[in-house]
Protein backbone atom coordinates (compact mmCIF):
# COMPACT_ATOMS: atom_id res chain seq x y z
CA UNK A 1 121.96 18.93 -29.57
CA UNK A 2 118.50 20.47 -27.42
CA UNK A 3 119.81 18.01 -24.35
CA UNK A 4 123.31 20.48 -24.49
CA UNK A 5 121.09 23.74 -24.94
CA UNK A 6 119.35 22.44 -21.58
CA UNK A 7 122.40 21.93 -19.45
CA UNK A 8 124.05 25.54 -21.17
CA UNK A 9 121.38 27.60 -20.15
CA UNK A 10 121.20 27.42 -15.95
CA UNK A 11 117.80 26.03 -14.96
CA UNK A 12 117.68 28.88 -12.35
CA UNK A 13 115.29 27.60 -10.14
CA UNK A 14 114.57 30.91 -8.17
CA UNK A 15 115.21 34.49 -8.09
CA UNK A 16 114.76 37.54 -6.11
CA UNK A 17 112.71 40.63 -7.58
CA UNK A 18 115.49 43.15 -7.26
CA UNK A 19 113.22 45.54 -4.51
CA UNK A 20 114.31 49.13 -3.98
CA UNK A 21 115.12 50.35 0.14
CA UNK A 22 114.05 54.32 0.48
CA UNK A 23 117.73 54.24 2.65
CA UNK A 24 120.00 51.82 4.55
CA UNK A 25 123.19 52.38 6.00
CA UNK A 26 123.68 48.16 5.78
CA UNK A 27 123.23 45.73 3.38
CA UNK A 28 119.00 45.53 3.08
CA UNK A 29 117.91 41.80 3.44
CA UNK A 30 115.17 40.10 1.32
CA UNK A 31 112.21 41.58 2.77
CA UNK A 32 113.06 45.34 3.47
CA UNK A 33 113.77 44.75 -0.32
CA UNK A 34 110.16 42.93 -0.89
CA UNK A 35 112.60 40.20 -2.81
CA UNK A 36 110.19 37.16 -3.46
CA UNK A 37 111.34 33.69 -5.06
CA UNK A 38 110.45 33.10 -8.43
CA UNK A 39 110.24 29.57 -8.92
CA UNK A 40 111.55 27.84 -12.75
CA UNK A 41 108.04 26.11 -13.35
CA UNK A 42 106.46 29.67 -13.07
CA UNK A 43 109.96 31.39 -14.99
CA UNK A 44 109.11 29.21 -18.04
CA UNK A 45 105.52 29.73 -18.36
CA UNK A 46 105.66 33.14 -18.20
CA UNK A 47 108.19 33.36 -20.85
CA UNK A 48 105.99 31.28 -22.89
CA UNK A 49 103.60 33.91 -23.13
CA UNK A 50 105.39 36.19 -25.52
CA UNK A 51 103.90 36.14 -28.80
CA UNK A 52 105.65 38.25 -31.06
CA UNK A 53 107.81 36.76 -34.60
CA UNK A 54 110.55 39.47 -34.54
CA UNK A 55 114.27 38.94 -35.29
CA UNK A 56 115.81 40.69 -32.35
CA UNK A 57 114.57 41.06 -28.78
CA UNK A 58 115.85 43.68 -26.42
CA UNK A 59 114.55 42.31 -23.09
CA UNK A 60 114.60 45.07 -19.63
CA UNK A 61 114.46 42.69 -16.66
CA UNK A 62 113.94 45.13 -14.16
CA UNK A 63 114.53 43.44 -10.73
CA UNK A 64 116.68 40.34 -11.72
CA UNK A 65 118.16 38.66 -8.76
CA UNK A 66 119.92 35.86 -10.05
CA UNK A 67 118.41 35.74 -13.42
CA UNK A 68 115.60 33.17 -13.57
CA UNK A 69 113.55 34.81 -16.17
CA UNK A 70 115.68 36.32 -18.09
CA UNK A 71 117.14 32.43 -18.50
CA UNK A 72 113.57 31.11 -19.31
CA UNK A 73 113.31 33.33 -22.32
CA UNK A 74 116.27 32.57 -23.68
CA UNK A 75 115.30 28.94 -23.16
CA UNK A 76 112.35 30.13 -24.96
CA UNK A 77 113.99 31.43 -28.23
CA UNK A 78 116.53 29.33 -28.60
CA UNK A 79 114.17 25.98 -29.20
CA UNK A 80 112.42 27.42 -31.44
CA UNK A 81 112.14 26.98 -35.01
CA UNK A 82 111.64 30.75 -36.64
CA UNK A 83 115.43 31.47 -33.99
CA UNK A 84 115.64 35.38 -33.11
CA UNK A 85 119.13 36.68 -34.74
CA UNK A 86 119.89 38.60 -31.94
CA UNK A 87 118.95 38.87 -28.05
CA UNK A 88 119.66 41.94 -25.72
CA UNK A 89 119.71 42.08 -21.77
CA UNK A 90 119.25 45.34 -20.14
CA UNK A 91 119.15 43.54 -16.41
CA UNK A 92 118.43 45.38 -12.91
CA UNK A 93 118.93 43.99 -10.11
CA UNK A 94 119.89 46.49 -6.83
CA UNK A 95 121.12 43.82 -4.37
CA UNK A 96 124.85 43.37 -5.07
CA UNK A 97 125.15 40.15 -3.13
CA UNK A 98 123.07 38.44 -6.19
CA UNK A 99 125.12 40.25 -9.21
CA UNK A 100 127.75 37.54 -9.19
CA UNK A 101 125.33 35.29 -9.72
CA UNK A 102 123.61 36.98 -11.95
CA UNK A 103 126.18 37.63 -14.46
CA UNK A 104 127.03 34.35 -14.20
CA UNK A 105 123.44 33.51 -15.81
CA UNK A 106 123.74 35.52 -18.39
CA UNK A 107 127.57 33.93 -19.36
CA UNK A 108 125.24 30.57 -19.53
CA UNK A 109 122.86 31.91 -21.46
CA UNK A 110 125.56 33.79 -23.88
CA UNK A 111 126.61 30.12 -24.68
CA UNK A 112 123.91 28.77 -25.55
CA UNK A 113 123.04 31.42 -27.77
CA UNK A 114 126.11 31.17 -29.20
CA UNK A 115 125.91 27.43 -29.93
CA UNK A 116 122.47 28.12 -32.11
CA UNK A 117 124.30 31.43 -33.80
CA UNK A 118 121.99 33.63 -31.60
CA UNK A 119 123.59 36.79 -30.64
CA UNK A 120 123.71 37.38 -27.59
CA UNK A 121 124.97 40.70 -25.47
CA UNK A 122 123.62 42.01 -22.29
CA UNK A 123 124.33 44.36 -19.44
CA UNK A 124 123.83 43.91 -15.67
CA UNK A 125 123.05 47.39 -14.02
CA UNK A 126 123.75 47.26 -9.63
CA UNK A 127 121.22 50.54 -9.64
CA UNK A 128 118.01 51.70 -8.74
CA UNK A 129 115.62 50.93 -11.28
CA UNK A 130 113.29 53.80 -10.26
CA UNK A 131 115.64 56.43 -10.25
CA UNK A 132 117.07 55.65 -13.01
CA UNK A 133 114.05 54.93 -15.53
CA UNK A 134 112.32 58.30 -14.29
CA UNK A 135 115.77 59.98 -14.78
CA UNK A 136 115.24 58.77 -18.26
CA UNK A 137 111.90 59.24 -18.79
CA UNK A 138 112.39 63.10 -17.39
CA UNK A 139 115.60 63.18 -20.04
CA UNK A 140 117.73 64.70 -17.22
CA UNK A 141 121.26 66.31 -18.14
CA UNK A 142 123.56 63.32 -16.46
CA UNK A 143 120.41 60.58 -16.63
CA UNK A 144 122.55 57.46 -18.11
CA UNK A 145 121.73 55.95 -22.18
CA UNK A 146 118.58 53.69 -22.18
CA UNK A 147 118.24 51.11 -24.60
CA UNK A 148 114.42 50.71 -26.62
CA UNK A 149 112.81 47.31 -25.43
CA UNK A 150 110.11 45.57 -26.99
CA UNK A 151 110.27 43.01 -24.74
CA UNK A 152 109.68 42.81 -20.56
CA UNK A 153 109.22 40.23 -18.11
CA UNK A 154 109.30 40.94 -14.41
CA UNK A 155 108.82 40.08 -10.96
CA UNK A 156 108.62 43.21 -9.31
CA UNK A 157 109.43 43.76 -5.30
CA UNK A 158 105.65 43.73 -3.02
CA UNK A 159 105.88 46.30 -0.45
CA UNK A 160 104.65 49.55 -0.08
CA UNK A 161 105.50 52.97 -0.86
CA UNK A 162 105.39 55.15 1.94
CA UNK A 163 104.10 58.38 0.65
CA UNK A 164 107.10 60.39 1.79
CA UNK A 165 109.25 58.08 0.48
CA UNK A 166 111.99 59.32 -2.37
CA UNK A 167 111.06 56.15 -4.57
CA UNK A 168 107.10 57.53 -4.39
CA UNK A 169 108.52 61.50 -5.26
CA UNK A 170 110.32 60.04 -8.20
CA UNK A 171 107.75 57.84 -9.31
CA UNK A 172 105.39 61.02 -8.79
CA UNK A 173 107.25 63.34 -11.07
CA UNK A 174 106.51 61.67 -14.10
CA UNK A 175 102.92 61.08 -13.52
CA UNK A 176 102.82 58.07 -11.85
CA UNK A 177 100.82 57.74 -8.19
CA UNK A 178 101.02 54.57 -6.73
CA UNK A 179 100.69 52.87 -2.86
CA UNK A 180 102.90 50.06 -3.99
CA UNK A 181 106.50 48.86 -5.65
CA UNK A 182 105.52 46.45 -8.01
CA UNK A 183 103.01 48.61 -9.57
CA UNK A 184 105.63 51.51 -9.74
CA UNK A 185 108.02 49.47 -11.69
CA UNK A 186 105.17 47.88 -13.82
CA UNK A 187 103.97 51.61 -14.31
CA UNK A 188 108.13 52.51 -15.57
CA UNK A 189 108.46 49.61 -17.63
CA UNK A 190 105.18 50.17 -19.38
CA UNK A 191 106.18 54.06 -20.19
CA UNK A 192 109.76 52.20 -20.81
CA UNK A 193 108.69 49.81 -23.74
CA UNK A 194 108.21 50.44 -27.39
CA UNK A 195 105.01 50.35 -29.17
CA UNK A 196 104.30 46.92 -29.86
CA UNK A 197 106.31 45.80 -26.89
CA UNK A 198 104.98 42.89 -25.13
CA UNK A 199 104.97 42.80 -20.89
CA UNK A 200 104.96 39.84 -18.88
CA UNK A 201 104.72 40.23 -15.31
CA UNK A 202 103.65 38.44 -12.48
CA UNK A 203 102.63 40.64 -9.59
CA UNK A 204 99.70 41.01 -6.52
CA UNK A 205 96.24 40.38 -7.61
CA UNK A 206 95.14 43.22 -5.32
CA UNK A 207 95.78 45.92 -8.60
CA UNK A 208 92.55 44.37 -10.14
CA UNK A 209 90.38 45.97 -7.54
CA UNK A 210 90.07 49.29 -4.89
CA UNK A 211 90.81 52.48 -4.57
CA UNK A 212 94.70 52.71 -4.33
CA UNK A 213 95.15 50.54 -8.06
CA UNK A 214 92.57 52.75 -9.64
CA UNK A 215 95.42 55.37 -11.15
CA UNK A 216 97.15 52.15 -12.13
CA UNK A 217 94.54 50.40 -13.94
CA UNK A 218 93.85 53.51 -15.73
CA UNK A 219 97.26 53.26 -17.05
CA UNK A 220 97.48 50.13 -17.77
CA UNK A 221 93.74 49.81 -19.53
CA UNK A 222 94.56 52.60 -21.39
CA UNK A 223 98.06 51.90 -22.58
CA UNK A 224 98.59 48.13 -22.84
CA UNK A 225 95.87 45.51 -24.88
CA UNK A 226 95.73 42.67 -22.13
CA UNK A 227 96.12 39.23 -23.95
CA UNK A 228 96.09 37.19 -20.51
CA UNK A 229 95.26 36.61 -17.36
CA UNK A 230 96.56 34.03 -15.22
CA UNK A 231 95.96 33.62 -11.76
CA UNK A 232 97.89 31.33 -9.56
CA UNK A 233 95.28 30.23 -7.49
CA UNK A 234 96.87 28.27 -4.36
CA UNK A 235 98.74 31.14 -2.11
CA UNK A 236 100.90 29.05 -0.86
CA UNK A 237 102.49 26.80 -3.66
CA UNK A 238 104.25 29.29 -5.50
CA UNK A 239 105.77 31.10 -3.35
CA UNK A 240 105.91 29.00 -0.62
CA UNK A 241 108.99 29.76 0.67
CA UNK A 242 108.00 33.42 1.19
CA UNK A 243 105.16 33.32 2.72
CA UNK A 244 102.62 35.42 0.20
CA UNK A 245 99.51 35.29 1.23
CA UNK A 246 97.81 37.21 -1.62
CA UNK A 247 96.64 35.10 -5.05
CA UNK A 248 99.23 36.30 -7.75
CA UNK A 249 98.59 37.18 -11.08
CA UNK A 250 100.44 36.95 -14.35
CA UNK A 251 99.74 39.92 -16.66
CA UNK A 252 100.68 39.09 -20.84
CA UNK A 253 99.69 42.60 -22.40
CA UNK A 254 101.08 44.77 -25.79
CA UNK A 255 101.79 48.26 -25.89
CA UNK A 256 100.05 50.69 -27.80
CA UNK A 257 97.34 48.22 -29.94
CA UNK A 258 93.64 48.09 -28.51
CA UNK A 259 92.00 46.11 -26.35
CA UNK A 260 90.79 42.55 -28.23
CA UNK A 261 87.01 41.46 -28.85
CA UNK A 262 88.48 38.59 -25.91
CA UNK A 263 91.08 38.08 -23.77
CA UNK A 264 92.80 34.50 -22.64
CA UNK A 265 91.97 33.68 -19.26
CA UNK A 266 93.10 30.69 -17.05
CA UNK A 267 94.37 29.47 -13.74
CA UNK A 268 96.55 26.90 -12.04
CA UNK A 269 97.52 26.08 -8.65
CA UNK A 270 100.96 27.46 -9.15
CA UNK A 271 102.34 23.91 -8.44
CA UNK A 272 104.99 22.24 -10.72
CA UNK A 273 103.33 20.17 -13.71
CA UNK A 274 99.54 21.28 -12.20
CA UNK A 275 97.08 21.18 -14.38
CA UNK A 276 95.73 24.84 -16.06
CA UNK A 277 92.02 25.60 -16.85
CA UNK A 278 91.75 28.41 -20.09
CA UNK A 279 88.83 29.93 -21.34
CA UNK A 280 87.88 32.39 -23.84
CA UNK A 281 86.07 35.39 -22.49
CA UNK A 282 84.84 38.61 -24.03
CA UNK A 283 86.84 41.81 -22.96
CA UNK A 284 83.63 43.52 -21.29
CA UNK A 285 83.49 40.37 -18.66
CA UNK A 286 87.00 41.10 -17.60
CA UNK A 287 86.45 45.08 -17.66
CA UNK A 288 83.16 45.59 -17.84
CA UNK A 289 82.25 48.82 -19.88
CA UNK A 290 81.32 52.28 -17.91
CA UNK A 291 82.52 50.93 -14.54
CA UNK A 292 84.42 53.83 -13.52
CA UNK A 293 86.56 51.79 -10.93
CA UNK A 294 87.60 49.81 -14.00
CA UNK A 295 88.29 46.83 -12.36
CA UNK A 296 89.80 43.69 -13.68
CA UNK A 297 87.76 40.47 -13.59
CA UNK A 298 89.49 37.31 -13.39
CA UNK A 299 87.29 34.04 -13.41
CA UNK A 300 87.86 30.74 -14.40
CA UNK A 301 86.83 28.33 -12.08
CA UNK A 302 84.01 26.46 -12.86
CA UNK A 303 80.19 27.43 -11.88
CA UNK A 304 81.54 31.17 -11.87
CA UNK A 305 79.04 32.15 -15.03
CA UNK A 306 76.07 32.66 -13.03
CA UNK A 307 78.01 35.28 -11.26
CA UNK A 308 79.06 37.01 -14.61
CA UNK A 309 75.52 37.17 -15.19
CA UNK A 310 74.46 38.47 -11.61
CA UNK A 311 77.33 41.73 -11.67
CA UNK A 312 75.90 42.29 -15.23
CA UNK A 313 72.02 42.29 -14.06
CA UNK A 314 71.40 43.41 -10.18
CA UNK A 315 71.78 47.18 -10.36
CA UNK A 316 70.07 48.09 -6.91
CA UNK A 317 72.69 49.32 -4.46
CA UNK A 318 72.58 49.80 -0.77
CA UNK A 319 71.53 53.22 -1.02
CA UNK A 320 68.33 52.00 -3.36
CA UNK A 321 67.64 50.11 -0.37
CA UNK A 322 67.83 52.39 2.60
CA UNK A 323 71.05 50.27 4.04
CA UNK A 324 74.39 51.01 4.91
CA UNK A 325 77.45 49.21 5.97
CA UNK A 326 79.77 50.33 8.64
CA UNK A 327 82.83 48.98 10.47
CA UNK A 328 82.68 47.50 14.08
CA UNK A 329 83.37 50.03 16.27
CA UNK A 330 85.18 48.53 19.40
CA UNK A 331 88.99 48.14 18.42
CA UNK A 332 89.90 45.83 21.56
CA UNK A 333 93.37 46.92 22.28
CA UNK A 334 91.96 50.18 22.20
CA UNK A 335 89.34 50.12 25.26
CA UNK A 336 91.30 46.94 27.30
CA UNK A 337 90.27 48.13 30.43
CA UNK A 338 86.49 47.92 29.37
CA UNK A 339 86.57 44.41 27.85
CA UNK A 340 85.11 41.36 30.33
CA UNK A 341 85.51 37.87 29.95
CA UNK A 342 81.45 37.48 31.47
CA UNK A 343 78.78 39.35 30.95
CA UNK A 344 77.47 41.21 33.79
CA UNK A 345 74.70 44.28 34.81
CA UNK A 346 76.66 46.76 34.33
CA UNK A 347 77.90 45.58 30.34
CA UNK A 348 76.48 44.65 26.93
CA UNK A 349 77.64 41.85 25.04
CA UNK A 350 80.58 42.18 22.41
CA UNK A 351 80.53 40.19 19.55
CA UNK A 352 83.34 38.86 17.95
CA UNK A 353 83.82 36.64 14.75
CA UNK A 354 84.65 33.76 16.96
CA UNK A 355 80.50 34.03 17.95
CA UNK A 356 79.44 33.12 14.26
CA UNK A 357 78.17 29.77 14.01
CA UNK A 358 75.48 28.21 11.77
CA UNK A 359 74.43 31.55 10.91
CA UNK A 360 73.85 33.30 13.75
CA UNK A 361 74.76 34.79 17.08
CA UNK A 362 76.00 32.08 19.96
CA UNK A 363 76.60 34.09 22.79
CA UNK A 364 78.80 33.87 25.35
CA UNK A 365 81.35 31.82 24.02
CA UNK A 366 82.81 29.77 27.30
CA UNK A 367 86.26 29.55 27.48
CA UNK A 368 86.85 32.08 24.70
CA UNK A 369 89.92 33.91 24.28
CA UNK A 370 88.08 36.73 23.65
CA UNK A 371 86.52 38.81 26.02
CA UNK A 372 82.22 38.88 25.32
CA UNK A 373 81.07 41.76 27.01
CA UNK A 374 82.32 45.14 27.34
CA UNK A 375 81.49 47.99 29.97
CA UNK A 376 78.42 50.69 29.22
CA UNK A 377 80.37 53.83 30.19
CA UNK A 378 79.85 57.01 28.90
CA UNK A 379 83.91 56.50 27.06
CA UNK A 380 82.31 53.44 25.51
CA UNK A 381 79.47 54.85 24.39
CA UNK A 382 80.14 55.78 21.08
CA UNK A 383 80.84 52.27 20.03
CA UNK A 384 78.05 50.16 20.88
CA UNK A 385 74.59 50.54 18.72
CA UNK A 386 71.19 49.81 19.75
CA UNK A 387 69.80 46.62 20.07
CA UNK A 388 68.51 45.42 16.81
CA UNK A 389 68.59 42.72 14.32
CA UNK A 390 71.92 43.16 12.30
CA UNK A 391 73.59 41.08 9.60
CA UNK A 392 77.22 40.89 10.03
CA UNK A 393 80.00 39.77 7.63
CA UNK A 394 83.50 39.21 8.59
CA UNK A 395 86.57 40.90 7.86
CA UNK A 396 88.75 38.50 6.94
CA UNK A 397 88.25 34.96 6.56
CA UNK A 398 91.08 32.21 6.30
CA UNK A 399 92.80 30.65 3.29
CA UNK A 400 91.06 27.29 3.81
CA UNK A 401 87.37 29.26 4.25
CA UNK A 402 85.11 27.50 1.87
CA UNK A 403 83.55 31.36 1.16
CA UNK A 404 85.18 34.47 1.32
CA UNK A 405 81.93 36.48 1.90
CA UNK A 406 80.88 34.78 5.34
CA UNK A 407 77.51 36.29 6.91
CA UNK A 408 75.51 35.83 10.02
CA UNK A 409 72.45 37.01 11.91
CA UNK A 410 72.38 38.67 14.80
CA UNK A 411 69.33 38.62 16.58
CA UNK A 412 68.28 40.63 19.78
CA UNK A 413 65.60 38.19 21.30
CA UNK A 414 68.54 35.63 21.72
CA UNK A 415 70.60 38.08 23.17
CA UNK A 416 68.71 40.57 25.63
CA UNK A 417 70.06 43.57 25.81
CA UNK A 418 69.74 47.23 25.45
CA UNK A 419 72.71 48.04 23.42
CA UNK A 420 75.72 45.84 21.46
CA UNK A 421 79.37 46.24 20.34
CA UNK A 422 80.39 44.82 17.64
CA UNK A 423 84.73 44.32 17.04
CA UNK A 424 86.57 45.91 14.19
CA UNK A 425 87.08 42.47 12.17
CA UNK A 426 83.11 42.25 11.45
CA UNK A 427 81.26 44.56 8.90
CA UNK A 428 77.65 45.24 9.64
CA UNK A 429 74.59 46.56 7.91
CA UNK A 430 72.18 48.45 9.55
CA UNK A 431 69.57 51.26 8.87
CA UNK A 432 70.55 55.16 10.00
CA UNK A 433 72.81 53.47 12.68
CA UNK A 434 69.81 50.74 13.87
CA UNK A 435 68.76 47.15 12.94
CA UNK A 436 67.04 46.00 9.52
CA UNK A 437 63.30 44.26 9.88
CA UNK A 438 63.74 40.65 10.10
CA UNK A 439 62.65 39.17 6.83
CA UNK A 440 65.07 41.96 5.14
CA UNK A 441 68.02 40.76 7.13
CA UNK A 442 67.17 36.60 6.77
CA UNK A 443 67.04 37.97 2.40
CA UNK A 444 70.14 39.77 3.03
CA UNK A 445 72.48 37.27 4.54
CA UNK A 446 71.25 34.42 2.58
CA UNK A 447 72.36 36.44 -0.66
CA UNK A 448 75.56 37.23 0.78
CA UNK A 449 76.33 33.48 2.04
CA UNK A 450 74.92 32.25 -1.88
CA UNK A 451 78.04 30.27 -3.62
CA UNK A 452 76.73 32.83 -6.50
CA UNK A 453 77.71 36.31 -4.69
CA UNK A 454 80.75 34.32 -3.14
CA UNK A 455 82.04 33.31 -6.94
CA UNK A 456 81.49 37.29 -8.20
CA UNK A 457 82.99 38.61 -5.47
CA UNK A 458 86.18 36.15 -6.34
CA UNK A 459 86.26 37.12 -9.47
CA UNK A 460 87.36 40.77 -8.87
CA UNK A 461 88.93 40.19 -5.18
CA UNK A 462 92.01 38.36 -4.82
CA UNK A 463 91.93 39.32 -1.31
CA UNK A 464 91.20 37.19 2.08
CA UNK A 465 89.63 40.51 3.56
CA UNK A 466 86.20 41.71 2.69
CA UNK A 467 85.70 45.42 3.55
CA UNK A 468 82.36 47.44 4.40
CA UNK A 469 83.66 49.60 0.86
CA UNK A 470 83.61 46.07 -0.86
CA UNK A 471 80.30 45.23 0.41
CA UNK A 472 78.57 48.99 -0.63
CA UNK A 473 80.63 48.20 -4.64
CA UNK A 474 78.24 45.45 -4.93
CA UNK A 475 74.82 45.40 -6.27
CA UNK A 476 71.73 43.63 -4.88
CA UNK A 477 68.65 42.41 -5.52
CA UNK A 478 65.34 44.60 -4.74
CA UNK A 479 64.00 45.26 -1.40
CA UNK A 480 61.35 42.75 -2.24
CA UNK A 481 63.27 40.11 -3.93
CA UNK A 482 65.19 40.30 -0.10
CA UNK A 483 62.17 40.09 1.70
CA UNK A 484 60.60 36.95 -0.14
CA UNK A 485 64.25 35.08 -0.15
CA UNK A 486 64.07 36.24 3.42
CA UNK A 487 60.95 34.23 3.95
CA UNK A 488 61.83 31.23 2.96
CA UNK A 489 65.65 30.88 3.85
CA UNK A 490 66.51 29.42 7.11
CA UNK A 491 70.37 29.60 8.81
CA UNK A 492 69.97 25.82 9.45
CA UNK A 493 70.23 25.50 5.78
CA UNK A 494 73.36 23.29 4.09
CA UNK A 495 75.03 24.96 1.35
CA UNK A 496 73.45 23.19 -1.35
CA UNK A 497 70.19 23.65 -0.42
CA UNK A 498 70.45 27.66 -0.01
CA UNK A 499 72.33 27.58 -3.62
CA UNK A 500 68.79 25.62 -4.63
CA UNK A 501 66.68 28.49 -2.89
CA UNK A 502 68.20 30.72 -5.04
CA UNK A 503 67.94 29.02 -8.20
CA UNK A 504 64.85 28.46 -7.18
CA UNK A 505 63.69 32.19 -6.64
CA UNK A 506 65.32 33.62 -9.43
CA UNK A 507 65.87 30.63 -12.15
CA UNK A 508 66.91 33.08 -14.96
CA UNK A 509 68.75 36.28 -13.18
CA UNK A 510 69.17 38.28 -16.24
CA UNK A 511 65.98 38.33 -17.42
CA UNK A 512 63.79 38.97 -13.73
CA UNK A 513 63.17 42.78 -13.75
CA UNK A 514 61.66 42.13 -10.07
CA UNK A 515 64.89 41.64 -8.89
CA UNK A 516 67.08 44.95 -10.47
């Protein structure tokens, strides 16, 4: 019987998330809609997370595409020993080109349910989910009725919301302030779920941190109890056809319950039949108590436990250290007429990420595609900083780069100059716009280049980008501890030796008050 059911329920290989173009007079493209494909093995994993035992499932699939997520839910429940008595589906999809495929998927789901005596009904709404959901929530006079949902599964569109768009204004009218469609979709779904309703969503990981998603995190954590967070580690495996560059996160949460004492946190590559790593962690390590930003930390890889200890132990801010961090001032295309391939008597060194080499700056770089110098002129002086010792951090790392945070030291004794320019793809640590003492700079660079801090940073950031704001939010050892580390650290150290030095200097991060 099971084999026949498998053939009846379509194994839809991929589905589009249903995007919402603000205005268009032609058929929108996949990119315009913010659509990304969901592989079948990911859809099946998502469906497996639902935990309720209820005779009736009322499922919302907002952005249903060709129906892969709904099909996965039906496949999961018709094979359960304790089957539901009834499954109803409300599927939203804006793209008219896939409505036929979606309807066929739902018809096959109905036939499969009939074989095991499960009642199945479905409704396809070829409409704008945001505008209709907002109308329902506002109880507009002419809004269509919407069922009560106890389950929702979604791969929402991944696209930014313009501040002046209709969708942004509609969301704001029901108290949802967000800058991206995917968080707008999920926030609406949360409002539409009944108490005890379960949500399974796959989205970019970016909502877990950063100021743009602070409001959404508050809504999610105040309304929904986290049950599981599953990270797809590979940036290309699960969505290989769509060039998705962010790590993706699958969230399972239940509406109207208190946050549990523990949360299941897991990860896999995103490849079919890939290995899943899973741990159960205290909720307070996922969302640190009294954190005003309410960052959501995802941590499952081996070796991250020390990073947890560090994040709870280090308390020193950059302000406490009398340090600041800024983004490089030189935006090369805006200063093009002042850039030079080689240094000259009227120029200052211009430092790019390509000048990083073994923890120091190697300048000038011969045969470089990037310029090595910038003309010192009345129009460029405000872009330059006085010569001194600076700690530089790349703002962008490649997908393949070993560390997310890559720090380097600029030392004027190796590059004689009165002024220096740092290109916009770099962050630089400074004291009131000037350089740092040598041992403090060396200790800070060693700390930033450690596996410990890299692991800690990856816990709350799914981006390859490291902004100055991220570095300001980090906590550091105190000044004495950094200078002590700087006296022993060498830029020629291997990663293994550097990590061993930190372990030697601070053998028990959570107990050594002298580093706080």
